[in-house]
């Protein structure tokens, strides 16, 4: 925690024989990378934000760790009064309760967001199904109109002048009401033809 601790500590190189990776964690700027062997890592702690940032990653070294070290680690973890990263059982339990509450709140927030998104997606699917059904009915109507006009020798197509031909036939001794209806059919046919044009997607 202090510059003096680092300068006076002569025993840390002995720890290298008992780990595959070794890093110093200290307040920002307390130790420089140039003061450490190349294989030793350095992590800076920022007191203002509580953040940790790796200045240099520790290199993995092929070290055969003595078996009694593993035995010591296992035995130390079984001691009831020892909790890694916590000074006592109460501190550990308080952290556990706080973490559990945070997880529950996060789960509820994520769940609510997912429910809303699923609801929106279902609505979009219903709208698409309705539009698809409407286009299907319009396509059927267009086909019926094509068959009916074909009986009178009028073929719908972009390559012929079917609109003018229809107007001429309807204007000769035909009931005005029939002409009005046929004009409506023509307008509907044109609108449907536009709707059936492929839609460009981006």
C-alpha atoms as a PDB file:
ATOM      1  CA  UNK A   1       0.000   0.000   0.000  1.00  0.00           C
ATOM      2  CA  UNK A   2       3.009   2.267   0.194  1.00  0.00           C
ATOM      3  CA  UNK A   3       6.172   2.841  -1.746  1.00  0.00           C
ATOM      4  CA  UNK A   4       8.213   1.817   1.269  1.00  0.00           C
ATOM      5  CA  UNK A   5       6.446  -1.552   1.487  1.00  0.00           C
ATOM      6  CA  UNK A   6       7.492  -2.377  -2.057  1.00  0.00           C
ATOM      7  CA  UNK A   7      11.078  -1.151  -1.751  1.00  0.00           C
ATOM      8  CA  UNK A   8      11.708  -2.983   1.550  1.00  0.00           C
ATOM      9  CA  UNK A   9       9.962  -6.235   0.575  1.00  0.00           C
ATOM     10  CA  UNK A  10      12.704  -8.714  -0.277  1.00  0.00           C
ATOM     11  CA  UNK A  11      10.688 -11.892   0.065  1.00  0.00           C
ATOM     12  CA  UNK A  12       8.249 -11.621  -2.837  1.00  0.00           C
ATOM     13  CA  UNK A  13      10.581 -13.301  -5.414  1.00  0.00           C
ATOM     14  CA  UNK A  14      10.245 -16.472  -3.320  1.00  0.00           C
ATOM     15  CA  UNK A  15       6.520 -16.555  -4.120  1.00  0.00           C
ATOM     16  CA  UNK A  16       7.323 -17.129  -7.794  1.00  0.00           C
ATOM     17  CA  UNK A  17       8.110 -20.791  -7.106  1.00  0.00           C
ATOM     18  CA  UNK A  18       4.542 -21.386  -5.947  1.00  0.00           C
ATOM     19  CA  UNK A  19       2.453 -19.924  -8.757  1.00  0.00           C
ATOM     20  CA  UNK A  20       2.188 -20.025 -12.522  1.00  0.00           C
ATOM     21  CA  UNK A  21       1.402 -16.309 -12.719  1.00  0.00           C
ATOM     22  CA  UNK A  22       2.422 -13.495 -10.389  1.00  0.00           C
ATOM     23  CA  UNK A  23       1.185  -9.898 -10.416  1.00  0.00           C
ATOM     24  CA  UNK A  24       1.441  -6.847  -8.185  1.00  0.00           C
ATOM     25  CA  UNK A  25      -1.770  -4.909  -7.481  1.00  0.00           C
ATOM     26  CA  UNK A  26      -1.174  -1.421  -6.156  1.00  0.00           C
ATOM     27  CA  UNK A  27      -2.537   2.134  -6.269  1.00  0.00           C
ATOM     28  CA  UNK A  28      -1.951   3.823  -9.619  1.00  0.00           C
ATOM     29  CA  UNK A  29       1.671   4.866 -10.136  1.00  0.00           C
ATOM     30  CA  UNK A  30       3.028   3.297  -6.952  1.00  0.00           C
ATOM     31  CA  UNK A  31       5.113   0.792  -8.929  1.00  0.00           C
ATOM     32  CA  UNK A  32       6.457   1.133 -12.462  1.00  0.00           C
ATOM     33  CA  UNK A  33       6.609  -1.713 -14.976  1.00  0.00           C
ATOM     34  CA  UNK A  34      10.327  -1.034 -15.376  1.00  0.00           C
ATOM     35  CA  UNK A  35      10.893  -2.019 -11.724  1.00  0.00           C
ATOM     36  CA  UNK A  36       9.503  -5.523 -12.232  1.00  0.00           C
ATOM     37  CA  UNK A  37      10.816  -8.583 -14.063  1.00  0.00           C
ATOM     38  CA  UNK A  38       9.286  -9.043 -17.511  1.00  0.00           C
ATOM     39  CA  UNK A  39       7.213 -12.077 -16.467  1.00  0.00           C
ATOM     40  CA  UNK A  40       5.605 -10.267 -13.496  1.00  0.00           C
ATOM     41  CA  UNK A  41       2.264  -8.549 -14.099  1.00  0.00           C
ATOM     42  CA  UNK A  42       1.146  -5.157 -12.833  1.00  0.00           C
ATOM     43  CA  UNK A  43      -2.415  -4.052 -12.042  1.00  0.00           C
ATOM     44  CA  UNK A  44      -3.283  -0.488 -11.040  1.00  0.00           C
ATOM     45  CA  UNK A  45      -6.065   0.261  -8.568  1.00  0.00           C
ATOM     46  CA  UNK A  46      -7.894   3.615  -8.932  1.00  0.00           C
ATOM     47  CA  UNK A  47      -9.133   4.699  -5.459  1.00  0.00           C
ATOM     48  CA  UNK A  48     -11.552   7.324  -6.797  1.00  0.00           C
ATOM     49  CA  UNK A  49     -13.553   4.874  -8.899  1.00  0.00           C
ATOM     50  CA  UNK A  50     -12.576   1.550  -7.365  1.00  0.00           C
ATOM     51  CA  UNK A  51     -11.573   0.317 -10.829  1.00  0.00           C
ATOM     52  CA  UNK A  52      -8.736  -2.044 -11.670  1.00  0.00           C
ATOM     53  CA  UNK A  53      -6.714  -1.773 -14.891  1.00  0.00           C
ATOM     54  CA  UNK A  54      -4.023  -4.147 -16.065  1.00  0.00           C
ATOM     55  CA  UNK A  55      -0.833  -2.326 -16.999  1.00  0.00           C
ATOM     56  CA  UNK A  56       0.896  -5.554 -17.964  1.00  0.00           C
ATOM     57  CA  UNK A  57      -0.344  -9.139 -17.930  1.00  0.00           C
ATOM     58  CA  UNK A  58       1.650 -11.704 -16.026  1.00  0.00           C
ATOM     59  CA  UNK A  59       3.294 -14.347 -18.175  1.00  0.00           C
ATOM     60  CA  UNK A  60       2.367 -17.968 -17.569  1.00  0.00           C
ATOM     61  CA  UNK A  61       5.357 -19.938 -16.340  1.00  0.00           C
ATOM     62  CA  UNK A  62       5.785 -23.701 -16.209  1.00  0.00           C
ATOM     63  CA  UNK A  63       6.217 -24.211 -12.468  1.00  0.00           C
ATOM     64  CA  UNK A  64       5.769 -27.524 -10.656  1.00  0.00           C
ATOM     65  CA  UNK A  65       3.971 -26.462  -7.502  1.00  0.00           C
ATOM     66  CA  UNK A  66       4.645 -28.682  -4.466  1.00  0.00           C
ATOM     67  CA  UNK A  67       1.720 -30.882  -3.460  1.00  0.00           C
ATOM     68  CA  UNK A  68       1.769 -29.622   0.139  1.00  0.00           C
ATOM     69  CA  UNK A  69       0.778 -26.183  -1.182  1.00  0.00           C
ATOM     70  CA  UNK A  70      -2.450 -27.618  -2.603  1.00  0.00           C
ATOM     71  CA  UNK A  71      -3.060 -29.424   0.677  1.00  0.00           C
ATOM     72  CA  UNK A  72      -2.605 -26.160   2.561  1.00  0.00           C
ATOM     73  CA  UNK A  73      -5.044 -24.347   0.273  1.00  0.00           C
ATOM     74  CA  UNK A  74      -7.680 -27.074   0.657  1.00  0.00           C
ATOM     75  CA  UNK A  75      -7.317 -27.198   4.420  1.00  0.00           C
ATOM     76  CA  UNK A  76      -7.429 -23.415   4.779  1.00  0.00           C
ATOM     77  CA  UNK A  77     -10.698 -23.252   2.840  1.00  0.00           C
ATOM     78  CA  UNK A  78     -12.320 -25.737   5.233  1.00  0.00           C
ATOM     79  CA  UNK A  79     -11.674 -23.591   8.294  1.00  0.00           C
ATOM     80  CA  UNK A  80     -14.998 -22.095   9.436  1.00  0.00           C
ATOM     81  CA  UNK A  81     -13.498 -18.732  10.339  1.00  0.00           C
ATOM     82  CA  UNK A  82     -11.724 -18.228   7.006  1.00  0.00           C
ATOM     83  CA  UNK A  83     -13.528 -16.677   4.025  1.00  0.00           C
ATOM     84  CA  UNK A  84     -11.595 -15.626   0.914  1.00  0.00           C
ATOM     85  CA  UNK A  85     -11.942 -11.874   0.243  1.00  0.00           C
ATOM     86  CA  UNK A  86     -13.903 -11.322   3.511  1.00  0.00           C
ATOM     87  CA  UNK A  87     -12.641 -10.566   7.000  1.00  0.00           C
ATOM     88  CA  UNK A  88     -15.396 -12.537   8.778  1.00  0.00           C
ATOM     89  CA  UNK A  89     -18.589 -14.557   8.287  1.00  0.00           C
ATOM     90  CA  UNK A  90     -20.881 -11.591   8.813  1.00  0.00           C
ATOM     91  CA  UNK A  91     -19.175  -9.589   6.072  1.00  0.00           C
ATOM     92  CA  UNK A  92     -19.489 -12.557   3.714  1.00  0.00           C
ATOM     93  CA  UNK A  93     -23.193 -13.058   4.506  1.00  0.00           C
ATOM     94  CA  UNK A  94     -23.957  -9.358   4.078  1.00  0.00           C
ATOM     95  CA  UNK A  95     -22.276  -9.414   0.685  1.00  0.00           C
ATOM     96  CA  UNK A  96     -24.243 -12.547  -0.237  1.00  0.00           C
ATOM     97  CA  UNK A  97     -27.592 -10.972   0.730  1.00  0.00           C
ATOM     98  CA  UNK A  98     -26.751  -7.763  -1.145  1.00  0.00           C
ATOM     99  CA  UNK A  99     -25.672  -9.707  -4.234  1.00  0.00           C
ATOM    100  CA  UNK A 100     -28.831 -11.835  -4.078  1.00  0.00           C
ATOM    101  CA  UNK A 101     -31.027  -8.713  -3.966  1.00  0.00           C
ATOM    102  CA  UNK A 102     -29.118  -7.170  -6.874  1.00  0.00           C
ATOM    103  CA  UNK A 103     -29.517 -10.354  -8.920  1.00  0.00           C
ATOM    104  CA  UNK A 104     -33.250 -10.441  -8.193  1.00  0.00           C
ATOM    105  CA  UNK A 105     -33.701  -6.801  -9.232  1.00  0.00           C
ATOM    106  CA  UNK A 106     -31.675  -7.386 -12.392  1.00  0.00           C
ATOM    107  CA  UNK A 107     -33.697 -10.509 -13.188  1.00  0.00           C
ATOM    108  CA  UNK A 108     -36.976  -8.623 -12.784  1.00  0.00           C
ATOM    109  CA  UNK A 109     -35.789  -5.787 -15.020  1.00  0.00           C
ATOM    110  CA  UNK A 110     -34.594  -8.159 -17.737  1.00  0.00           C
ATOM    111  CA  UNK A 111     -37.795 -10.204 -17.476  1.00  0.00           C
ATOM    112  CA  UNK A 112     -39.991  -7.098 -17.838  1.00  0.00           C
ATOM    113  CA  UNK A 113     -38.012  -5.954 -20.868  1.00  0.00           C
ATOM    114  CA  UNK A 114     -38.290  -9.384 -22.504  1.00  0.00           C
ATOM    115  CA  UNK A 115     -42.050  -9.512 -21.873  1.00  0.00           C
ATOM    116  CA  UNK A 116     -42.487  -6.088 -23.496  1.00  0.00           C
ATOM    117  CA  UNK A 117     -40.385  -7.077 -26.502  1.00  0.00           C
ATOM    118  CA  UNK A 118     -42.290 -10.340 -26.939  1.00  0.00           C
ATOM    119  CA  UNK A 119     -45.594  -8.450 -26.767  1.00  0.00           C
ATOM    120  CA  UNK A 120     -44.422  -6.011 -29.448  1.00  0.00           C
ATOM    121  CA  UNK A 121     -43.213  -8.838 -31.664  1.00  0.00           C
ATOM    122  CA  UNK A 122     -46.529 -10.666 -31.359  1.00  0.00           C
ATOM    123  CA  UNK A 123     -48.396  -7.512 -32.365  1.00  0.00           C
ATOM    124  CA  UNK A 124     -46.135  -7.087 -35.389  1.00  0.00           C
ATOM    125  CA  UNK A 125     -46.739 -10.704 -36.373  1.00  0.00           C
ATOM    126  CA  UNK A 126     -50.518 -10.198 -36.102  1.00  0.00           C
ATOM    127  CA  UNK A 127     -50.296  -7.039 -38.238  1.00  0.00           C
ATOM    128  CA  UNK A 128     -48.229  -8.855 -40.858  1.00  0.00           C
ATOM    129  CA  UNK A 129     -50.690 -11.781 -40.898  1.00  0.00           C
ATOM    130  CA  UNK A 130     -53.626  -9.382 -41.315  1.00  0.00           C
ATOM    131  CA  UNK A 131     -51.879  -7.533 -44.170  1.00  0.00           C
ATOM    132  CA  UNK A 132     -50.966 -10.844 -45.787  1.00  0.00           C
ATOM    133  CA  UNK A 133     -54.591 -12.000 -45.630  1.00  0.00           C
ATOM    134  CA  UNK A 134     -55.814  -8.695 -47.099  1.00  0.00           C
ATOM    135  CA  UNK A 135     -53.355  -8.938 -49.985  1.00  0.00           C
ATOM    136  CA  UNK A 136     -54.501 -12.496 -50.568  1.00  0.00           C
ATOM    137  CA  UNK A 137     -58.142 -11.371 -50.835  1.00  0.00           C
ATOM    138  CA  UNK A 138     -57.168  -8.494 -53.137  1.00  0.00           C
ATOM    139  CA  UNK A 139     -55.192 -10.866 -55.348  1.00  0.00           C
ATOM    140  CA  UNK A 140     -58.214 -13.162 -55.592  1.00  0.00           C
ATOM    141  CA  UNK A 141     -60.432 -10.214 -56.507  1.00  0.00           C
ATOM    142  CA  UNK A 142     -57.949  -9.149 -59.181  1.00  0.00           C
ATOM    143  CA  UNK A 143     -58.010 -12.625 -60.667  1.00  0.00           C
ATOM    144  CA  UNK A 144     -61.810 -12.604 -60.761  1.00  0.00           C
ATOM    145  CA  UNK A 145     -61.743  -9.217 -62.510  1.00  0.00           C
ATOM    146  CA  UNK A 146     -59.240 -10.568 -65.049  1.00  0.00           C
ATOM    147  CA  UNK A 147     -61.474 -13.551 -65.835  1.00  0.00           C
ATOM    148  CA  UNK A 148     -64.549 -11.347 -66.171  1.00  0.00           C
ATOM    149  CA  UNK A 149     -62.846  -8.866 -68.494  1.00  0.00           C
ATOM    150  CA  UNK A 150     -61.372 -11.680 -70.565  1.00  0.00           C
ATOM    151  CA  UNK A 151     -64.901 -12.848 -71.333  1.00  0.00           C
ATOM    152  CA  UNK A 152     -65.415  -9.506 -73.091  1.00  0.00           C
ATOM    153  CA  UNK A 153     -62.096  -9.672 -74.888  1.00  0.00           C
ATOM    154  CA  UNK A 154     -60.229  -7.311 -72.594  1.00  0.00           C
ATOM    155  CA  UNK A 155     -56.843  -8.517 -71.378  1.00  0.00           C
ATOM    156  CA  UNK A 156     -55.187  -6.745 -68.443  1.00  0.00           C
ATOM    157  CA  UNK A 157     -51.522  -6.154 -69.000  1.00  0.00           C
ATOM    158  CA  UNK A 158     -48.829  -3.513 -69.080  1.00  0.00           C
ATOM    159  CA  UNK A 159     -48.169  -4.235 -72.768  1.00  0.00           C
ATOM    160  CA  UNK A 160     -51.609  -3.269 -74.108  1.00  0.00           C
ATOM    161  CA  UNK A 161     -53.981  -0.295 -73.924  1.00  0.00           C
ATOM    162  CA  UNK A 162     -56.652  -2.113 -71.927  1.00  0.00           C
ATOM    163  CA  UNK A 163     -57.812   1.033 -70.121  1.00  0.00           C
ATOM    164  CA  UNK A 164     -58.771   2.836 -73.331  1.00  0.00           C
ATOM    165  CA  UNK A 165     -60.399  -0.287 -74.739  1.00  0.00           C
ATOM    166  CA  UNK A 166     -62.508  -0.683 -71.611  1.00  0.00           C
ATOM    167  CA  UNK A 167     -63.613   2.963 -71.685  1.00  0.00           C
ATOM    168  CA  UNK A 168     -64.706   2.643 -75.311  1.00  0.00           C
ATOM    169  CA  UNK A 169     -66.739  -0.458 -74.647  1.00  0.00           C
ATOM    170  CA  UNK A 170     -68.365   0.976 -71.547  1.00  0.00           C
ATOM    171  CA  UNK A 171     -69.271   4.243 -73.290  1.00  0.00           C
ATOM    172  CA  UNK A 172     -71.403   2.555 -75.983  1.00  0.00           C
ATOM    173  CA  UNK A 173     -74.977   2.208 -74.826  1.00  0.00           C
ATOM    174  CA  UNK A 174     -74.123   1.127 -71.346  1.00  0.00           C
ATOM    175  CA  UNK A 175     -75.927   2.058 -68.151  1.00  0.00           C
ATOM    176  CA  UNK A 176     -74.022   4.911 -66.405  1.00  0.00           C
ATOM    177  CA  UNK A 177     -74.177   2.950 -63.190  1.00  0.00           C
ATOM    178  CA  UNK A 178     -72.370   0.072 -64.876  1.00  0.00           C
ATOM    179  CA  UNK A 179     -69.729   2.488 -66.137  1.00  0.00           C
ATOM    180  CA  UNK A 180     -69.273   3.849 -62.629  1.00  0.00           C
ATOM    181  CA  UNK A 181     -68.842   0.357 -61.229  1.00  0.00           C
ATOM    182  CA  UNK A 182     -66.353  -0.604 -63.928  1.00  0.00           C
ATOM    183  CA  UNK A 183     -64.359   2.579 -63.277  1.00  0.00           C
ATOM    184  CA  UNK A 184     -64.214   1.626 -59.620  1.00  0.00           C
ATOM    185  CA  UNK A 185     -63.030  -1.838 -60.584  1.00  0.00           C
ATOM    186  CA  UNK A 186     -60.373  -0.307 -62.823  1.00  0.00           C
ATOM    187  CA  UNK A 187     -59.145   1.953 -60.039  1.00  0.00           C
ATOM    188  CA  UNK A 188     -59.066  -0.962 -57.611  1.00  0.00           C
ATOM    189  CA  UNK A 189     -57.180  -3.056 -60.145  1.00  0.00           C
ATOM    190  CA  UNK A 190     -54.528  -0.371 -60.591  1.00  0.00           C
ATOM    191  CA  UNK A 191     -54.150   0.074 -56.863  1.00  0.00           C
ATOM    192  CA  UNK A 192     -53.845  -3.666 -56.353  1.00  0.00           C
ATOM    193  CA  UNK A 193     -51.255  -3.926 -59.118  1.00  0.00           C
ATOM    194  CA  UNK A 194     -49.168  -1.286 -57.348  1.00  0.00           C
ATOM    195  CA  UNK A 195     -49.516  -3.111 -54.048  1.00  0.00           C
ATOM    196  CA  UNK A 196     -48.345  -6.361 -55.562  1.00  0.00           C
ATOM    197  CA  UNK A 197     -45.140  -4.812 -56.846  1.00  0.00           C
ATOM    198  CA  UNK A 198     -42.097  -6.298 -55.006  1.00  0.00           C
ATOM    199  CA  UNK A 199     -41.043  -4.171 -52.063  1.00  0.00           C
ATOM    200  CA  UNK A 200     -37.379  -3.320 -51.916  1.00  0.00           C
ATOM    201  CA  UNK A 201     -35.830  -4.172 -48.577  1.00  0.00           C
ATOM    202  CA  UNK A 202     -32.803  -2.467 -47.112  1.00  0.00           C
END
